[in-house]
PDB file of N, CA and C in Angstrom:
ATOM      1  N   MET A   1     -76.324  -7.587 -21.291  1.00  0.00           N
ATOM      2  CA  MET A   1     -77.346  -9.073 -21.323  1.00  0.00           C
ATOM      3  C   MET A   1     -78.466  -8.541 -21.117  1.00  0.00           C
ATOM      4  N   SER A   2     -79.780  -7.989 -21.785  1.00  0.00           N
ATOM      5  CA  SER A   2     -80.769  -7.439 -21.031  1.00  0.00           C
ATOM      6  C   SER A   2     -81.017  -8.657 -19.692  1.00  0.00           C
ATOM      7  N   GLU A   3     -82.309  -8.182 -18.730  1.00  0.00           N
ATOM      8  CA  GLU A   3     -82.722  -8.960 -18.226  1.00  0.00           C
ATOM      9  C   GLU A   3     -83.797 -10.118 -18.944  1.00  0.00           C
ATOM     10  N   ALA A   4     -84.609  -9.483 -19.711  1.00  0.00           N
ATOM     11  CA  ALA A   4     -85.301 -10.228 -20.368  1.00  0.00           C
ATOM     12  C   ALA A   4     -84.433 -11.094 -21.091  1.00  0.00           C
ATOM     13  N   ARG A   5     -83.318 -11.009 -21.767  1.00  0.00           N
ATOM     14  CA  ARG A   5     -82.500 -12.349 -22.258  1.00  0.00           C
ATOM     15  C   ARG A   5     -82.360 -13.426 -21.349  1.00  0.00           C
ATOM     16  N   LEU A   6     -82.259 -12.517 -20.130  1.00  0.00           N
ATOM     17  CA  LEU A   6     -81.486 -13.884 -19.106  1.00  0.00           C
ATOM     18  C   LEU A   6     -82.605 -14.267 -18.858  1.00  0.00           C
ATOM     19  N   VAL A   7     -83.452 -14.095 -18.650  1.00  0.00           N
ATOM     20  CA  VAL A   7     -84.943 -14.742 -18.230  1.00  0.00           C
ATOM     21  C   VAL A   7     -85.303 -15.585 -19.477  1.00  0.00           C
ATOM     22  N   LYS A   8     -84.934 -15.359 -20.658  1.00  0.00           N
ATOM     23  CA  LYS A   8     -85.234 -16.127 -22.143  1.00  0.00           C
ATOM     24  C   LYS A   8     -84.407 -17.557 -21.655  1.00  0.00           C
ATOM     25  N   LEU A   9     -82.904 -17.390 -21.568  1.00  0.00           N
ATOM     26  CA  LEU A   9     -82.203 -18.248 -21.475  1.00  0.00           C
ATOM     27  C   LEU A   9     -82.675 -19.366 -20.235  1.00  0.00           C
ATOM     28  N   LEU A  10     -82.923 -18.431 -19.331  1.00  0.00           N
ATOM     29  CA  LEU A  10     -83.559 -19.506 -18.217  1.00  0.00           C
ATOM     30  C   LEU A  10     -84.494 -20.334 -18.138  1.00  0.00           C
ATOM     31  N   GLU A  11     -85.501 -19.828 -19.425  1.00  0.00           N
ATOM     32  CA  GLU A  11     -86.262 -20.368 -19.947  1.00  0.00           C
ATOM     33  C   GLU A  11     -86.303 -21.906 -20.041  1.00  0.00           C
ATOM     34  N   GLN A  12     -85.338 -21.429 -21.731  1.00  0.00           N
ATOM     35  CA  GLN A  12     -84.918 -22.594 -22.347  1.00  0.00           C
ATOM     36  C   GLN A  12     -83.725 -23.470 -21.423  1.00  0.00           C
ATOM     37  N   MET A  13     -83.085 -23.362 -20.537  1.00  0.00           N
ATOM     38  CA  MET A  13     -82.435 -24.094 -20.224  1.00  0.00           C
ATOM     39  C   MET A  13     -83.306 -24.956 -19.119  1.00  0.00           C
ATOM     40  N   GLN A  14     -84.620 -24.683 -18.658  1.00  0.00           N
ATOM     41  CA  GLN A  14     -85.687 -25.240 -17.766  1.00  0.00           C
ATOM     42  C   GLN A  14     -86.056 -25.930 -18.994  1.00  0.00           C
ATOM     43  N   ALA A  15     -86.533 -25.491 -20.020  1.00  0.00           N
ATOM     44  CA  ALA A  15     -87.395 -26.824 -21.001  1.00  0.00           C
ATOM     45  C   ALA A  15     -85.721 -28.021 -21.678  1.00  0.00           C
ATOM     46  N   ILE A  16     -84.921 -27.632 -21.501  1.00  0.00           N
ATOM     47  CA  ILE A  16     -83.791 -29.148 -21.923  1.00  0.00           C
ATOM     48  C   ILE A  16     -83.550 -29.490 -21.014  1.00  0.00           C
ATOM     49  N   ASP A  17     -83.856 -28.949 -19.671  1.00  0.00           N
ATOM     50  CA  ASP A  17     -83.190 -29.494 -18.332  1.00  0.00           C
ATOM     51  C   ASP A  17     -84.849 -30.725 -18.586  1.00  0.00           C
ATOM     52  N   TYR A  18     -85.753 -30.417 -18.227  1.00  0.00           N
ATOM     53  CA  TYR A  18     -87.216 -30.932 -17.988  1.00  0.00           C
ATOM     54  C   TYR A  18     -86.904 -32.072 -19.587  1.00  0.00           C
ATOM     55  N   THR A  19     -86.610 -32.142 -20.610  1.00  0.00           N
ATOM     56  CA  THR A  19     -86.567 -32.511 -21.913  1.00  0.00           C
ATOM     57  C   THR A  19     -85.594 -33.909 -21.677  1.00  0.00           C
ATOM     58  N   LEU A  20     -84.166 -33.297 -20.885  1.00  0.00           N
ATOM     59  CA  LEU A  20     -83.560 -34.275 -20.451  1.00  0.00           C
ATOM     60  C   LEU A  20     -83.369 -35.357 -19.586  1.00  0.00           C
ATOM     61  N   VAL A  21     -84.641 -35.059 -18.609  1.00  0.00           N
ATOM     62  CA  VAL A  21     -84.980 -36.090 -17.715  1.00  0.00           C
ATOM     63  C   VAL A  21     -86.216 -36.788 -18.284  1.00  0.00           C
ATOM     64  N   GLU A  22     -86.638 -36.287 -19.477  1.00  0.00           N
ATOM     65  CA  GLU A  22     -87.247 -37.285 -19.889  1.00  0.00           C
ATOM     66  C   GLU A  22     -86.964 -38.069 -20.806  1.00  0.00           C
ATOM     67  N   LEU A  23     -85.898 -37.835 -21.971  1.00  0.00           N
ATOM     68  CA  LEU A  23     -85.202 -38.438 -22.422  1.00  0.00           C
ATOM     69  C   LEU A  23     -84.629 -39.600 -21.593  1.00  0.00           C
ATOM     70  N   ASN A  24     -84.258 -39.286 -20.104  1.00  0.00           N
ATOM     71  CA  ASN A  24     -83.455 -40.348 -19.603  1.00  0.00           C
ATOM     72  C   ASN A  24     -84.635 -41.347 -19.324  1.00  0.00           C
ATOM     73  N   PHE A  25     -85.800 -40.832 -18.767  1.00  0.00           N
ATOM     74  CA  PHE A  25     -86.851 -41.799 -18.537  1.00  0.00           C
ATOM     75  C   PHE A  25     -87.291 -42.841 -19.473  1.00  0.00           C
ATOM     76  N   TYR A  26     -87.479 -42.486 -21.125  1.00  0.00           N
ATOM     77  CA  TYR A  26     -87.517 -43.104 -22.317  1.00  0.00           C
ATOM     78  C   TYR A  26     -86.786 -43.701 -22.336  1.00  0.00           C
ATOM     79  N   LEU A  27     -84.949 -43.489 -21.914  1.00  0.00           N
ATOM     80  CA  LEU A  27     -84.128 -44.818 -22.581  1.00  0.00           C
ATOM     81  C   LEU A  27     -84.063 -45.395 -21.146  1.00  0.00           C
ATOM     82  N   ALA A  28     -84.533 -45.592 -20.255  1.00  0.00           N
ATOM     83  CA  ALA A  28     -84.503 -46.500 -19.371  1.00  0.00           C
ATOM     84  C   ALA A  28     -85.304 -47.797 -19.658  1.00  0.00           C
ATOM     85  N   ALA A  29     -86.298 -47.522 -20.925  1.00  0.00           N
ATOM     86  CA  ALA A  29     -87.074 -47.965 -20.972  1.00  0.00           C
ATOM     87  C   ALA A  29     -86.264 -49.093 -22.797  1.00  0.00           C
ATOM     88  N   PHE A  30     -86.144 -47.729 -23.402  1.00  0.00           N
ATOM     89  CA  PHE A  30     -85.673 -48.415 -24.714  1.00  0.00           C
ATOM     90  C   PHE A  30     -84.302 -47.550 -24.790  1.00  0.00           C
ATOM     91  N   PRO A  31     -83.319 -48.505 -24.130  1.00  0.00           N
ATOM     92  CA  PRO A  31     -81.765 -48.364 -24.334  1.00  0.00           C
ATOM     93  C   PRO A  31     -81.126 -48.603 -25.914  1.00  0.00           C
ATOM     94  N   ASN A  32     -82.015 -48.461 -26.979  1.00  0.00           N
ATOM     95  CA  ASN A  32     -81.071 -48.505 -27.623  1.00  0.00           C
ATOM     96  C   ASN A  32     -81.473 -48.028 -28.688  1.00  0.00           C
ATOM     97  N   ASP A  33     -82.232 -47.129 -28.097  1.00  0.00           N
ATOM     98  CA  ASP A  33     -82.652 -45.557 -28.914  1.00  0.00           C
ATOM     99  C   ASP A  33     -82.112 -44.723 -29.973  1.00  0.00           C
ATOM    100  N   THR A  34     -81.345 -44.989 -30.547  1.00  0.00           N
ATOM    101  CA  THR A  34     -80.054 -44.034 -30.931  1.00  0.00           C
ATOM    102  C   THR A  34     -80.614 -42.694 -31.288  1.00  0.00           C
ATOM    103  N   PHE A  35     -81.431 -42.593 -31.984  1.00  0.00           N
ATOM    104  CA  PHE A  35     -82.259 -41.577 -32.395  1.00  0.00           C
ATOM    105  C   PHE A  35     -82.519 -40.316 -30.863  1.00  0.00           C
ATOM    106  N   ALA A  36     -82.848 -41.013 -29.759  1.00  0.00           N
ATOM    107  CA  ALA A  36     -82.833 -40.473 -28.116  1.00  0.00           C
ATOM    108  C   ALA A  36     -81.762 -40.251 -27.675  1.00  0.00           C
ATOM    109  N   LEU A  37     -81.032 -41.023 -27.906  1.00  0.00           N
ATOM    110  CA  LEU A  37     -79.255 -41.043 -27.379  1.00  0.00           C
ATOM    111  C   LEU A  37     -78.664 -39.728 -28.425  1.00  0.00           C
ATOM    112  N   ASN A  38     -78.969 -39.585 -29.165  1.00  0.00           N
ATOM    113  CA  ASN A  38     -78.550 -38.081 -30.161  1.00  0.00           C
ATOM    114  C   ASN A  38     -79.246 -37.222 -28.958  1.00  0.00           C
ATOM    115  N   GLN A  39     -80.453 -37.126 -29.639  1.00  0.00           N
ATOM    116  CA  GLN A  39     -80.929 -35.891 -29.182  1.00  0.00           C
ATOM    117  C   GLN A  39     -80.767 -35.530 -27.149  1.00  0.00           C
ATOM    118  N   ILE A  40     -79.821 -36.704 -26.116  1.00  0.00           N
ATOM    119  CA  ILE A  40     -79.315 -35.923 -25.410  1.00  0.00           C
ATOM    120  C   ILE A  40     -78.357 -35.727 -25.598  1.00  0.00           C
ATOM    121  N   ILE A  41     -77.671 -36.272 -26.530  1.00  0.00           N
ATOM    122  CA  ILE A  41     -76.232 -35.296 -26.843  1.00  0.00           C
ATOM    123  C   ILE A  41     -76.591 -33.313 -27.230  1.00  0.00           C
ATOM    124  N   ALA A  42     -76.862 -33.767 -27.985  1.00  0.00           N
ATOM    125  CA  ALA A  42     -77.532 -32.648 -28.710  1.00  0.00           C
ATOM    126  C   ALA A  42     -77.855 -31.383 -27.468  1.00  0.00           C
ATOM    127  N   LEU A  43     -78.711 -31.783 -26.897  1.00  0.00           N
ATOM    128  CA  LEU A  43     -79.724 -31.144 -26.081  1.00  0.00           C
ATOM    129  C   LEU A  43     -78.648 -30.800 -24.939  1.00  0.00           C
ATOM    130  N   ALA A  44     -77.793 -31.188 -24.012  1.00  0.00           N
ATOM    131  CA  ALA A  44     -76.710 -31.494 -23.322  1.00  0.00           C
ATOM    132  C   ALA A  44     -75.344 -30.595 -23.722  1.00  0.00           C
ATOM    133  N   GLU A  45     -75.322 -30.430 -24.804  1.00  0.00           N
ATOM    134  CA  GLU A  45     -74.401 -29.106 -25.496  1.00  0.00           C
ATOM    135  C   GLU A  45     -75.212 -28.009 -25.989  1.00  0.00           C
ATOM    136  N   GLN A  46     -76.581 -28.012 -26.305  1.00  0.00           N
ATOM    137  CA  GLN A  46     -77.012 -26.676 -25.975  1.00  0.00           C
ATOM    138  C   GLN A  46     -77.175 -26.164 -24.718  1.00  0.00           C
ATOM    139  N   ARG A  47     -77.282 -26.683 -23.855  1.00  0.00           N
ATOM    140  CA  ARG A  47     -77.628 -26.601 -22.032  1.00  0.00           C
ATOM    141  C   ARG A  47     -76.010 -26.422 -21.801  1.00  0.00           C
ATOM    142  N   GLU A  48     -74.730 -26.493 -21.777  1.00  0.00           N
ATOM    143  CA  GLU A  48     -73.675 -26.083 -21.791  1.00  0.00           C
ATOM    144  C   GLU A  48     -73.536 -24.559 -22.532  1.00  0.00           C
ATOM    145  N   LYS A  49     -73.900 -24.559 -23.680  1.00  0.00           N
ATOM    146  CA  LYS A  49     -73.492 -22.870 -23.919  1.00  0.00           C
ATOM    147  C   LYS A  49     -75.142 -21.842 -23.571  1.00  0.00           C
ATOM    148  N   ILE A  50     -75.673 -22.575 -23.092  1.00  0.00           N
ATOM    149  CA  ILE A  50     -76.481 -21.481 -22.245  1.00  0.00           C
ATOM    150  C   ILE A  50     -75.900 -21.224 -20.901  1.00  0.00           C
ATOM    151  N   ILE A  51     -75.513 -22.124 -20.295  1.00  0.00           N
ATOM    152  CA  ILE A  51     -74.486 -22.127 -19.287  1.00  0.00           C
ATOM    153  C   ILE A  51     -73.268 -21.443 -19.339  1.00  0.00           C
ATOM    154  N   SER A  52     -73.020 -21.864 -20.020  1.00  0.00           N
ATOM    155  CA  SER A  52     -71.209 -20.699 -19.941  1.00  0.00           C
ATOM    156  C   SER A  52     -72.088 -18.941 -20.459  1.00  0.00           C
ATOM    157  N   GLN A  53     -73.312 -18.292 -21.403  1.00  0.00           N
ATOM    158  CA  GLN A  53     -73.167 -17.390 -21.733  1.00  0.00           C
ATOM    159  C   GLN A  53     -74.173 -16.723 -20.068  1.00  0.00           C
ATOM    160  N   LEU A  54     -75.020 -17.611 -19.637  1.00  0.00           N
ATOM    161  CA  LEU A  54     -75.546 -17.161 -17.723  1.00  0.00           C
ATOM    162  C   LEU A  54     -74.120 -17.223 -16.557  1.00  0.00           C
ATOM    163  N   GLN A  55     -73.529 -17.601 -16.542  1.00  0.00           N
ATOM    164  CA  GLN A  55     -72.298 -17.530 -16.093  1.00  0.00           C
ATOM    165  C   GLN A  55     -71.269 -16.375 -16.761  1.00  0.00           C
ATOM    166  N   GLU A  56     -71.011 -16.230 -17.591  1.00  0.00           N
ATOM    167  CA  GLU A  56     -70.303 -14.569 -18.166  1.00  0.00           C
ATOM    168  C   GLU A  56     -70.958 -13.685 -17.845  1.00  0.00           C
ATOM    169  N   GLN A  57     -72.490 -14.226 -17.494  1.00  0.00           N
ATOM    170  CA  GLN A  57     -73.748 -12.270 -17.247  1.00  0.00           C
ATOM    171  C   GLN A  57     -73.267 -12.259 -15.874  1.00  0.00           C
ATOM    172  N   ILE A  58     -74.293 -13.390 -15.183  1.00  0.00           N
ATOM    173  CA  ILE A  58     -74.668 -13.713 -13.703  1.00  0.00           C
ATOM    174  C   ILE A  58     -74.124 -14.071 -12.834  1.00  0.00           C
ATOM    175  N   GLY A  59     -72.769 -15.274 -12.987  1.00  0.00           N
ATOM    176  CA  GLY A  59     -71.569 -15.942 -12.570  1.00  0.00           C
ATOM    177  C   GLY A  59     -72.294 -17.220 -12.237  1.00  0.00           C
ATOM    178  N   ALA A  60     -72.246 -18.427 -10.725  1.00  0.00           N
ATOM    179  CA  ALA A  60     -73.024 -18.786 -10.622  1.00  0.00           C
ATOM    180  C   ALA A  60     -74.160 -19.376 -10.879  1.00  0.00           C
ATOM    181  N   ILE A  61     -74.122 -20.520 -11.171  1.00  0.00           N
ATOM    182  CA  ILE A  61     -76.061 -20.698 -11.628  1.00  0.00           C
ATOM    183  C   ILE A  61     -76.722 -21.254 -10.692  1.00  0.00           C
ATOM    184  N   SER A  62     -76.245 -22.206  -9.886  1.00  0.00           N
ATOM    185  CA  SER A  62     -76.439 -23.639  -9.043  1.00  0.00           C
ATOM    186  C   SER A  62     -75.272 -23.379  -7.741  1.00  0.00           C
ATOM    187  N   SER A  63     -75.854 -24.305  -7.308  1.00  0.00           N
ATOM    188  CA  SER A  63     -74.721 -24.348  -5.987  1.00  0.00           C
ATOM    189  C   SER A  63     -73.839 -25.553  -6.661  1.00  0.00           C
ATOM    190  N   TYR A  64     -73.775 -26.408  -7.320  1.00  0.00           N
ATOM    191  CA  TYR A  64     -72.831 -27.272  -7.827  1.00  0.00           C
ATOM    192  C   TYR A  64     -71.582 -26.053  -8.505  1.00  0.00           C
ATOM    193  N   ASP A  65     -72.274 -25.144  -9.046  1.00  0.00           N
ATOM    194  CA  ASP A  65     -70.664 -24.398  -9.949  1.00  0.00           C
ATOM    195  C   ASP A  65     -70.547 -23.893  -8.306  1.00  0.00           C
ATOM    196  N   ILE A  66     -70.930 -23.253  -7.903  1.00  0.00           N
ATOM    197  CA  ILE A  66     -70.183 -22.927  -6.161  1.00  0.00           C
ATOM    198  C   ILE A  66     -69.336 -23.520  -5.882  1.00  0.00           C
ATOM    199  N   LEU A  67     -69.681 -25.074  -5.497  1.00  0.00           N
ATOM    200  CA  LEU A  67     -68.771 -25.728  -4.864  1.00  0.00           C
ATOM    201  C   LEU A  67     -67.922 -26.306  -5.806  1.00  0.00           C
ATOM    202  N   SER A  68     -67.766 -26.216  -6.550  1.00  0.00           N
ATOM    203  CA  SER A  68     -66.593 -26.527  -8.017  1.00  0.00           C
ATOM    204  C   SER A  68     -65.930 -25.504  -8.077  1.00  0.00           C
ATOM    205  N   ASP A  69     -66.345 -24.150  -7.398  1.00  0.00           N
ATOM    206  CA  ASP A  69     -65.221 -23.121  -7.935  1.00  0.00           C
ATOM    207  C   ASP A  69     -65.184 -22.108  -6.854  1.00  0.00           C
ATOM    208  N   PRO A  70     -65.184 -22.451  -5.552  1.00  0.00           N
ATOM    209  CA  PRO A  70     -65.577 -21.320  -4.516  1.00  0.00           C
ATOM    210  C   PRO A  70     -65.488 -19.603  -4.759  1.00  0.00           C
ATOM    211  N   ASP A  71     -64.489 -19.425  -5.435  1.00  0.00           N
ATOM    212  CA  ASP A  71     -64.228 -17.844  -6.499  1.00  0.00           C
ATOM    213  C   ASP A  71     -65.407 -17.488  -7.022  1.00  0.00           C
ATOM    214  N   ASN A  72     -66.249 -18.509  -7.774  1.00  0.00           N
ATOM    215  CA  ASN A  72     -67.858 -17.846  -8.518  1.00  0.00           C
ATOM    216  C   ASN A  72     -68.294 -16.860  -7.583  1.00  0.00           C
ATOM    217  N   TRP A  73     -68.624 -17.510  -6.156  1.00  0.00           N
ATOM    218  CA  TRP A  73     -69.380 -16.223  -5.024  1.00  0.00           C
ATOM    219  C   TRP A  73     -68.922 -16.456  -3.976  1.00  0.00           C
ATOM    220  N   LYS A  74     -68.971 -15.258  -3.086  1.00  0.00           N
ATOM    221  CA  LYS A  74     -68.358 -15.378  -1.980  1.00  0.00           C
ATOM    222  C   LYS A  74     -70.183 -15.026  -1.176  1.00  0.00           C
ATOM    223  N   TRP A  75     -70.413 -15.717  -0.284  1.00  0.00           N
ATOM    224  CA  TRP A  75     -71.735 -15.644   0.325  1.00  0.00           C
ATOM    225  C   TRP A  75     -71.775 -14.818   0.876  1.00  0.00           C
ATOM    226  N   ASN A  76     -70.623 -14.135   1.533  1.00  0.00           N
ATOM    227  CA  ASN A  76     -70.776 -13.148   2.553  1.00  0.00           C
ATOM    228  C   ASN A  76     -70.580 -11.612   2.168  1.00  0.00           C
ATOM    229  N   LEU A  77     -70.909 -11.384   1.059  1.00  0.00           N
ATOM    230  CA  LEU A  77     -71.213 -10.535  -0.046  1.00  0.00           C
ATOM    231  C   LEU A  77     -72.483 -10.140  -1.034  1.00  0.00           C
ATOM    232  N   ALA A  78     -72.790  -9.180  -1.213  1.00  0.00           N
ATOM    233  CA  ALA A  78     -74.263  -9.022  -2.216  1.00  0.00           C
ATOM    234  C   ALA A  78     -73.500  -9.192  -3.731  1.00  0.00           C
ATOM    235  N   PRO A  79     -74.129  -9.302  -4.436  1.00  0.00           N
ATOM    236  CA  PRO A  79     -74.051  -9.585  -5.934  1.00  0.00           C
ATOM    237  C   PRO A  79     -74.036  -7.803  -5.757  1.00  0.00           C
ATOM    238  N   SER A  80     -72.654  -7.845  -6.981  1.00  0.00           N
ATOM    239  CA  SER A  80     -72.532  -6.293  -7.547  1.00  0.00           C
ATOM    240  C   SER A  80     -74.112  -5.945  -8.565  1.00  0.00           C
ATOM    241  N   SER A  81     -73.879  -4.858  -8.810  1.00  0.00           N
ATOM    242  CA  SER A  81     -75.116  -4.470  -9.807  1.00  0.00           C
ATOM    243  C   SER A  81     -75.130  -5.025 -11.065  1.00  0.00           C
ATOM    244  N   SER A  82     -73.935  -5.183 -11.471  1.00  0.00           N
ATOM    245  CA  SER A  82     -73.614  -5.750 -12.850  1.00  0.00           C
ATOM    246  C   SER A  82     -74.296  -6.750 -12.849  1.00  0.00           C
ATOM    247  N   GLU A  83     -73.525  -7.891 -11.490  1.00  0.00           N
ATOM    248  CA  GLU A  83     -74.609  -9.257 -11.847  1.00  0.00           C
ATOM    249  C   GLU A  83     -76.200  -9.841 -12.032  1.00  0.00           C
ATOM    250  N   MET A  84     -76.780  -8.064 -11.252  1.00  0.00           N
ATOM    251  CA  MET A  84     -78.046  -9.013 -11.544  1.00  0.00           C
ATOM    252  C   MET A  84     -78.612  -8.259 -13.039  1.00  0.00           C
TER     253      MET A  84
END
């Protein structure tokens, strides 16, 4: 996967994360809005797909991934050239 494609996926994930946070704030005020709830579900699914693609290419993308599976990253080793 090209570096440009990786950057695009990261940007998409960032936009989805922002939208998910905003929808959570919205739902705090309007908890019965089924349209917003469905949007959260759809965006969370999109986010998981993006995370899977990124993890296949570069490994763990957050500290939470590393903590849940320590084999994702060895802190004392530099990433290999295939992971960059």
